[in-house]
Amino acid sequence: LEALMRLAGEEALMQGRDLGLYIEEDR
């Protein structure tokens, strides 16, 4: 999860998009 969040943060910054993380009980 840490690696995916870093990747998503870098991609959002490079492409100028807003990404979010939705957390449920089991996923």
PDB file of all heavy atoms in Angstrom:
ATOM      1  N   LEU A   1       0.830  -1.203   0.000  1.00  0.00           N
ATOM      2  CA  LEU A   1       0.000   0.000   0.000  1.00  0.00           C
ATOM      3  C   LEU A   1       0.864   1.254   0.000  1.00  0.00           C
ATOM      4  O   LEU A   1       0.571   2.218  -0.716  1.00  0.00           O
ATOM      5  CB  LEU A   1      -0.940   0.003   1.199  1.00  0.00           C
ATOM      6  CG  LEU A   1      -1.821   1.245   1.361  1.00  0.00           C
ATOM      7  CD1 LEU A   1      -2.702   1.451   0.138  1.00  0.00           C
ATOM      8  CD2 LEU A   1      -2.659   1.136   2.627  1.00  0.00           C
ATOM      9  N   GLU A   2       1.935   1.243   0.755  1.00  0.00           N
ATOM     10  CA  GLU A   2       2.834   2.399   0.778  1.00  0.00           C
ATOM     11  C   GLU A   2       3.424   2.663  -0.604  1.00  0.00           C
ATOM     12  O   GLU A   2       3.458   3.805  -1.078  1.00  0.00           O
ATOM     13  CB  GLU A   2       3.958   2.169   1.784  1.00  0.00           C
ATOM     14  CG  GLU A   2       4.947   3.311   1.838  1.00  0.00           C
ATOM     15  CD  GLU A   2       6.149   3.015   2.712  1.00  0.00           C
ATOM     16  OE1 GLU A   2       6.312   1.877   3.176  1.00  0.00           O
ATOM     17  OE2 GLU A   2       6.936   3.952   2.917  1.00  0.00           O
ATOM     18  N   ALA A   3       3.861   1.603  -1.284  1.00  0.00           N
ATOM     19  CA  ALA A   3       4.431   1.755  -2.624  1.00  0.00           C
ATOM     20  C   ALA A   3       3.381   2.266  -3.613  1.00  0.00           C
ATOM     21  O   ALA A   3       3.668   3.144  -4.445  1.00  0.00           O
ATOM     22  CB  ALA A   3       5.008   0.431  -3.105  1.00  0.00           C
ATOM     23  N   LEU A   4       2.149   1.743  -3.524  1.00  0.00           N
ATOM     24  CA  LEU A   4       1.089   2.206  -4.422  1.00  0.00           C
ATOM     25  C   LEU A   4       0.740   3.671  -4.169  1.00  0.00           C
ATOM     26  O   LEU A   4       0.487   4.432  -5.113  1.00  0.00           O
ATOM     27  CB  LEU A   4      -0.161   1.341  -4.249  1.00  0.00           C
ATOM     28  CG  LEU A   4      -0.093  -0.060  -4.850  1.00  0.00           C
ATOM     29  CD1 LEU A   4      -1.310  -0.873  -4.425  1.00  0.00           C
ATOM     30  CD2 LEU A   4       0.002   0.012  -6.361  1.00  0.00           C
ATOM     31  N   MET A   5       0.738   4.077  -2.907  1.00  0.00           N
ATOM     32  CA  MET A   5       0.429   5.474  -2.602  1.00  0.00           C
ATOM     33  C   MET A   5       1.522   6.409  -3.109  1.00  0.00           C
ATOM     34  O   MET A   5       1.226   7.496  -3.616  1.00  0.00           O
ATOM     35  CB  MET A   5       0.224   5.635  -1.092  1.00  0.00           C
ATOM     36  CG  MET A   5      -1.067   5.013  -0.602  1.00  0.00           C
ATOM     37  SD  MET A   5      -1.285   5.067   1.172  1.00  0.00           S
ATOM     38  CE  MET A   5      -1.372   6.813   1.462  1.00  0.00           C
ATOM     39  N   ARG A   6       2.773   5.981  -3.003  1.00  0.00           N
ATOM     40  CA  ARG A   6       3.865   6.798  -3.550  1.00  0.00           C
ATOM     41  C   ARG A   6       3.734   6.928  -5.067  1.00  0.00           C
ATOM     42  O   ARG A   6       3.889   8.013  -5.622  1.00  0.00           O
ATOM     43  CB  ARG A   6       5.213   6.185  -3.201  1.00  0.00           C
ATOM     44  CG  ARG A   6       5.618   6.370  -1.768  1.00  0.00           C
ATOM     45  CD  ARG A   6       6.975   5.721  -1.531  1.00  0.00           C
ATOM     46  NE  ARG A   6       7.240   5.628  -0.128  1.00  0.00           N
ATOM     47  CZ  ARG A   6       8.015   6.471   0.532  1.00  0.00           C
ATOM     48  NH1 ARG A   6       8.579   7.475  -0.092  1.00  0.00           N
ATOM     49  NH2 ARG A   6       8.225   6.302   1.818  1.00  0.00           N
ATOM     50  N   LEU A   7       3.451   5.807  -5.735  1.00  0.00           N
ATOM     51  CA  LEU A   7       3.291   5.821  -7.181  1.00  0.00           C
ATOM     52  C   LEU A   7       2.123   6.713  -7.588  1.00  0.00           C
ATOM     53  O   LEU A   7       2.235   7.529  -8.512  1.00  0.00           O
ATOM     54  CB  LEU A   7       3.078   4.398  -7.706  1.00  0.00           C
ATOM     55  CG  LEU A   7       2.805   4.270  -9.200  1.00  0.00           C
ATOM     56  CD1 LEU A   7       3.999   4.737 -10.007  1.00  0.00           C
ATOM     57  CD2 LEU A   7       2.432   2.841  -9.544  1.00  0.00           C
ATOM     58  N   ALA A   8       0.996   6.576  -6.889  1.00  0.00           N
ATOM     59  CA  ALA A   8      -0.174   7.396  -7.211  1.00  0.00           C
ATOM     60  C   ALA A   8       0.119   8.874  -6.985  1.00  0.00           C
ATOM     61  O   ALA A   8      -0.291   9.727  -7.784  1.00  0.00           O
ATOM     62  CB  ALA A   8      -1.368   6.961  -6.359  1.00  0.00           C
ATOM     63  N   GLY A   9       0.841   9.196  -5.930  1.00  0.00           N
ATOM     64  CA  GLY A   9       1.202  10.590  -5.668  1.00  0.00           C
ATOM     65  C   GLY A   9       2.090  11.168  -6.757  1.00  0.00           C
ATOM     66  O   GLY A   9       1.884  12.300  -7.198  1.00  0.00           O
ATOM     67  N   GLU A  10       3.061  10.383  -7.202  1.00  0.00           N
ATOM     68  CA  GLU A  10       3.955  10.849  -8.270  1.00  0.00           C
ATOM     69  C   GLU A  10       3.191  11.033  -9.580  1.00  0.00           C
ATOM     70  O   GLU A  10       3.383  12.033 -10.291  1.00  0.00           O
ATOM     71  CB  GLU A  10       5.093   9.857  -8.451  1.00  0.00           C
ATOM     72  CG  GLU A  10       6.074   9.845  -7.292  1.00  0.00           C
ATOM     73  CD  GLU A  10       7.095   8.732  -7.401  1.00  0.00           C
ATOM     74  OE1 GLU A  10       7.085   7.993  -8.420  1.00  0.00           O
ATOM     75  OE2 GLU A  10       7.901   8.590  -6.465  1.00  0.00           O
ATOM     76  N   GLU A  11       2.334  10.066  -9.914  1.00  0.00           N
ATOM     77  CA  GLU A  11       1.562  10.161 -11.152  1.00  0.00           C
ATOM     78  C   GLU A  11       0.588  11.339 -11.107  1.00  0.00           C
ATOM     79  O   GLU A  11       0.415  12.048 -12.097  1.00  0.00           O
ATOM     80  CB  GLU A  11       0.796   8.853 -11.402  1.00  0.00           C
ATOM     81  CG  GLU A  11       1.670   7.679 -11.756  1.00  0.00           C
ATOM     82  CD  GLU A  11       2.293   7.809 -13.135  1.00  0.00           C
ATOM     83  OE1 GLU A  11       1.687   8.463 -14.020  1.00  0.00           O
ATOM     84  OE2 GLU A  11       3.398   7.281 -13.325  1.00  0.00           O
ATOM     85  N   ALA A  12      -0.064  11.550  -9.982  1.00  0.00           N
ATOM     86  CA  ALA A  12      -0.994  12.673  -9.855  1.00  0.00           C
ATOM     87  C   ALA A  12      -0.262  13.994 -10.011  1.00  0.00           C
ATOM     88  O   ALA A  12      -0.760  14.922 -10.662  1.00  0.00           O
ATOM     89  CB  ALA A  12      -1.695  12.624  -8.501  1.00  0.00           C
ATOM     90  N   LEU A  13       0.926  14.086  -9.459  1.00  0.00           N
ATOM     91  CA  LEU A  13       1.721  15.309  -9.572  1.00  0.00           C
ATOM     92  C   LEU A  13       2.181  15.539 -11.004  1.00  0.00           C
ATOM     93  O   LEU A  13       2.085  16.658 -11.527  1.00  0.00           O
ATOM     94  CB  LEU A  13       2.923  15.226  -8.627  1.00  0.00           C
ATOM     95  CG  LEU A  13       3.788  16.457  -8.528  1.00  0.00           C
ATOM     96  CD1 LEU A  13       2.988  17.624  -7.952  1.00  0.00           C
ATOM     97  CD2 LEU A  13       5.002  16.176  -7.663  1.00  0.00           C
ATOM     98  N   MET A  14       2.629  14.491 -11.672  1.00  0.00           N
ATOM     99  CA  MET A  14       3.133  14.627 -13.040  1.00  0.00           C
ATOM    100  C   MET A  14       2.011  14.931 -14.033  1.00  0.00           C
ATOM    101  O   MET A  14       2.212  15.678 -14.980  1.00  0.00           O
ATOM    102  CB  MET A  14       3.872  13.355 -13.458  1.00  0.00           C
ATOM    103  CG  MET A  14       5.193  13.188 -12.726  1.00  0.00           C
ATOM    104  SD  MET A  14       6.028  11.644 -13.095  1.00  0.00           S
ATOM    105  CE  MET A  14       6.188  11.711 -14.843  1.00  0.00           C
ATOM    106  N   GLN A  15       0.830  14.363 -13.825  1.00  0.00           N
ATOM    107  CA  GLN A  15      -0.263  14.538 -14.774  1.00  0.00           C
ATOM    108  C   GLN A  15      -1.251  15.618 -14.352  1.00  0.00           C
ATOM    109  O   GLN A  15      -2.188  15.922 -15.092  1.00  0.00           O
ATOM    110  CB  GLN A  15      -0.998  13.215 -14.974  1.00  0.00           C
ATOM    111  CG  GLN A  15      -0.132  12.153 -15.617  1.00  0.00           C
ATOM    112  CD  GLN A  15      -0.888  10.871 -15.879  1.00  0.00           C
ATOM    113  OE1 GLN A  15      -2.101  10.810 -15.715  1.00  0.00           O
ATOM    114  NE2 GLN A  15      -0.169   9.846 -16.293  1.00  0.00           N
ATOM    115  N   GLY A  16      -1.081  16.194 -13.205  1.00  0.00           N
ATOM    116  CA  GLY A  16      -1.971  17.256 -12.751  1.00  0.00           C
ATOM    117  C   GLY A  16      -3.374  16.778 -12.450  1.00  0.00           C
ATOM    118  O   GLY A  16      -4.340  17.518 -12.656  1.00  0.00           O
ATOM    119  N   ARG A  17      -3.509  15.562 -11.966  1.00  0.00           N
ATOM    120  CA  ARG A  17      -4.819  15.007 -11.624  1.00  0.00           C
ATOM    121  C   ARG A  17      -4.951  14.877 -10.117  1.00  0.00           C
ATOM    122  O   ARG A  17      -3.960  14.787  -9.399  1.00  0.00           O
ATOM    123  CB  ARG A  17      -4.998  13.623 -12.245  1.00  0.00           C
ATOM    124  CG  ARG A  17      -5.053  13.645 -13.741  1.00  0.00           C
ATOM    125  CD  ARG A  17      -5.312  12.256 -14.239  1.00  0.00           C
ATOM    126  NE  ARG A  17      -5.459  12.245 -15.673  1.00  0.00           N
ATOM    127  CZ  ARG A  17      -5.802  11.181 -16.359  1.00  0.00           C
ATOM    128  NH1 ARG A  17      -6.019  10.047 -15.749  1.00  0.00           N
ATOM    129  NH2 ARG A  17      -5.935  11.238 -17.655  1.00  0.00           N
ATOM    130  N   ASP A  18      -6.193  14.843  -9.656  1.00  0.00           N
ATOM    131  CA  ASP A  18      -6.462  14.620  -8.243  1.00  0.00           C
ATOM    132  C   ASP A  18      -6.825  13.158  -8.040  1.00  0.00           C
ATOM    133  O   ASP A  18      -7.814  12.677  -8.592  1.00  0.00           O
ATOM    134  CB  ASP A  18      -7.610  15.503  -7.758  1.00  0.00           C
ATOM    135  CG  ASP A  18      -7.255  16.976  -7.803  1.00  0.00           C
ATOM    136  OD1 ASP A  18      -6.089  17.298  -7.516  1.00  0.00           O
ATOM    137  OD2 ASP A  18      -8.134  17.788  -8.120  1.00  0.00           O
ATOM    138  N   LEU A  19      -6.008  12.458  -7.267  1.00  0.00           N
ATOM    139  CA  LEU A  19      -6.278  11.066  -6.935  1.00  0.00           C
ATOM    140  C   LEU A  19      -6.574  10.957  -5.452  1.00  0.00           C
ATOM    141  O   LEU A  19      -6.031  11.692  -4.638  1.00  0.00           O
ATOM    142  CB  LEU A  19      -5.074  10.182  -7.281  1.00  0.00           C
ATOM    143  CG  LEU A  19      -4.694  10.072  -8.744  1.00  0.00           C
ATOM    144  CD1 LEU A  19      -3.473   9.185  -8.912  1.00  0.00           C
ATOM    145  CD2 LEU A  19      -5.846   9.513  -9.554  1.00  0.00           C
ATOM    146  N   GLY A  20      -7.443  10.028  -5.117  1.00  0.00           N
ATOM    147  CA  GLY A  20      -7.778   9.793  -3.721  1.00  0.00           C
ATOM    148  C   GLY A  20      -7.734   8.311  -3.410  1.00  0.00           C
ATOM    149  O   GLY A  20      -7.708   7.467  -4.305  1.00  0.00           O
ATOM    150  N   LEU A  21      -7.721   8.014  -2.143  1.00  0.00           N
ATOM    151  CA  LEU A  21      -7.707   6.634  -1.681  1.00  0.00           C
ATOM    152  C   LEU A  21      -8.979   6.392  -0.879  1.00  0.00           C
ATOM    153  O   LEU A  21      -9.244   7.089   0.106  1.00  0.00           O
ATOM    154  CB  LEU A  21      -6.472   6.372  -0.811  1.00  0.00           C
ATOM    155  CG  LEU A  21      -6.317   4.967  -0.253  1.00  0.00           C
ATOM    156  CD1 LEU A  21      -6.116   3.966  -1.382  1.00  0.00           C
ATOM    157  CD2 LEU A  21      -5.146   4.919   0.705  1.00  0.00           C
ATOM    158  N   TYR A  22      -9.778   5.430  -1.310  1.00  0.00           N
ATOM    159  CA  TYR A  22     -11.020   5.075  -0.627  1.00  0.00           C
ATOM    160  C   TYR A  22     -10.773   3.776   0.126  1.00  0.00           C
ATOM    161  O   TYR A  22     -10.422   2.752  -0.467  1.00  0.00           O
ATOM    162  CB  TYR A  22     -12.146   4.907  -1.652  1.00  0.00           C
ATOM    163  CG  TYR A  22     -13.483   4.587  -1.039  1.00  0.00           C
ATOM    164  CD1 TYR A  22     -14.203   5.565  -0.362  1.00  0.00           C
ATOM    165  CD2 TYR A  22     -14.026   3.319  -1.140  1.00  0.00           C
ATOM    166  CE1 TYR A  22     -15.435   5.277   0.195  1.00  0.00           C
ATOM    167  CE2 TYR A  22     -15.261   3.024  -0.592  1.00  0.00           C
ATOM    168  CZ  TYR A  22     -15.960   4.011   0.082  1.00  0.00           C
ATOM    169  OH  TYR A  22     -17.179   3.730   0.640  1.00  0.00           O
ATOM    170  N   ILE A  23     -10.928   3.812   1.439  1.00  0.00           N
ATOM    171  CA  ILE A  23     -10.633   2.644   2.269  1.00  0.00           C
ATOM    172  C   ILE A  23     -11.934   2.084   2.826  1.00  0.00           C
ATOM    173  O   ILE A  23     -12.716   2.796   3.450  1.00  0.00           O
ATOM    174  CB  ILE A  23      -9.686   3.024   3.422  1.00  0.00           C
ATOM    175  CG1 ILE A  23      -8.376   3.563   2.850  1.00  0.00           C
ATOM    176  CG2 ILE A  23      -9.435   1.832   4.328  1.00  0.00           C
ATOM    177  CD1 ILE A  23      -7.414   4.064   3.886  1.00  0.00           C
ATOM    178  N   GLU A  24     -12.149   0.790   2.578  1.00  0.00           N
ATOM    179  CA  GLU A  24     -13.294   0.078   3.128  1.00  0.00           C
ATOM    180  C   GLU A  24     -12.792  -0.891   4.193  1.00  0.00           C
ATOM    181  O   GLU A  24     -11.595  -0.952   4.464  1.00  0.00           O
ATOM    182  CB  GLU A  24     -14.028  -0.661   2.004  1.00  0.00           C
ATOM    183  CG  GLU A  24     -14.625   0.282   0.975  1.00  0.00           C
ATOM    184  CD  GLU A  24     -15.298  -0.451  -0.171  1.00  0.00           C
ATOM    185  OE1 GLU A  24     -15.452  -1.690  -0.100  1.00  0.00           O
ATOM    186  OE2 GLU A  24     -15.672   0.211  -1.146  1.00  0.00           O
ATOM    187  N   GLU A  25     -13.701  -1.626   4.760  1.00  0.00           N
ATOM    188  CA  GLU A  25     -13.323  -2.528   5.850  1.00  0.00           C
ATOM    189  C   GLU A  25     -12.347  -3.603   5.401  1.00  0.00           C
ATOM    190  O   GLU A  25     -11.407  -3.934   6.114  1.00  0.00           O
ATOM    191  CB  GLU A  25     -14.570  -3.192   6.427  1.00  0.00           C
ATOM    192  CG  GLU A  25     -14.287  -4.045   7.638  1.00  0.00           C
ATOM    193  CD  GLU A  25     -15.545  -4.595   8.271  1.00  0.00           C
ATOM    194  OE1 GLU A  25     -16.580  -3.914   8.229  1.00  0.00           O
ATOM    195  OE2 GLU A  25     -15.481  -5.702   8.803  1.00  0.00           O
ATOM    196  N   ASP A  26     -12.532  -4.169   4.212  1.00  0.00           N
ATOM    197  CA  ASP A  26     -11.700  -5.282   3.778  1.00  0.00           C
ATOM    198  C   ASP A  26     -10.913  -5.009   2.493  1.00  0.00           C
ATOM    199  O   ASP A  26     -10.289  -5.911   1.957  1.00  0.00           O
ATOM    200  CB  ASP A  26     -12.557  -6.527   3.584  1.00  0.00           C
ATOM    201  CG  ASP A  26     -13.651  -6.304   2.561  1.00  0.00           C
ATOM    202  OD1 ASP A  26     -13.939  -5.152   2.226  1.00  0.00           O
ATOM    203  OD2 ASP A  26     -14.230  -7.310   2.098  1.00  0.00           O
ATOM    204  N   ARG A  27     -10.930  -3.771   1.996  1.00  0.00           N
ATOM    205  CA  ARG A  27     -10.169  -3.456   0.788  1.00  0.00           C
ATOM    206  C   ARG A  27      -9.986  -1.952   0.672  1.00  0.00           C
ATOM    207  O   ARG A  27     -10.541  -1.175   1.449  1.00  0.00           O
ATOM    208  CB  ARG A  27     -10.869  -3.993  -0.459  1.00  0.00           C
ATOM    209  CG  ARG A  27     -12.194  -3.330  -0.740  1.00  0.00           C
ATOM    210  CD  ARG A  27     -12.869  -3.920  -1.936  1.00  0.00           C
ATOM    211  NE  ARG A  27     -14.130  -3.226  -2.159  1.00  0.00           N
ATOM    212  CZ  ARG A  27     -14.677  -3.072  -3.335  1.00  0.00           C
ATOM    213  NH1 ARG A  27     -14.117  -3.577  -4.401  1.00  0.00           N
ATOM    214  NH2 ARG A  27     -15.806  -2.418  -3.455  1.00  0.00           N
TER     215      ARG A  27
END
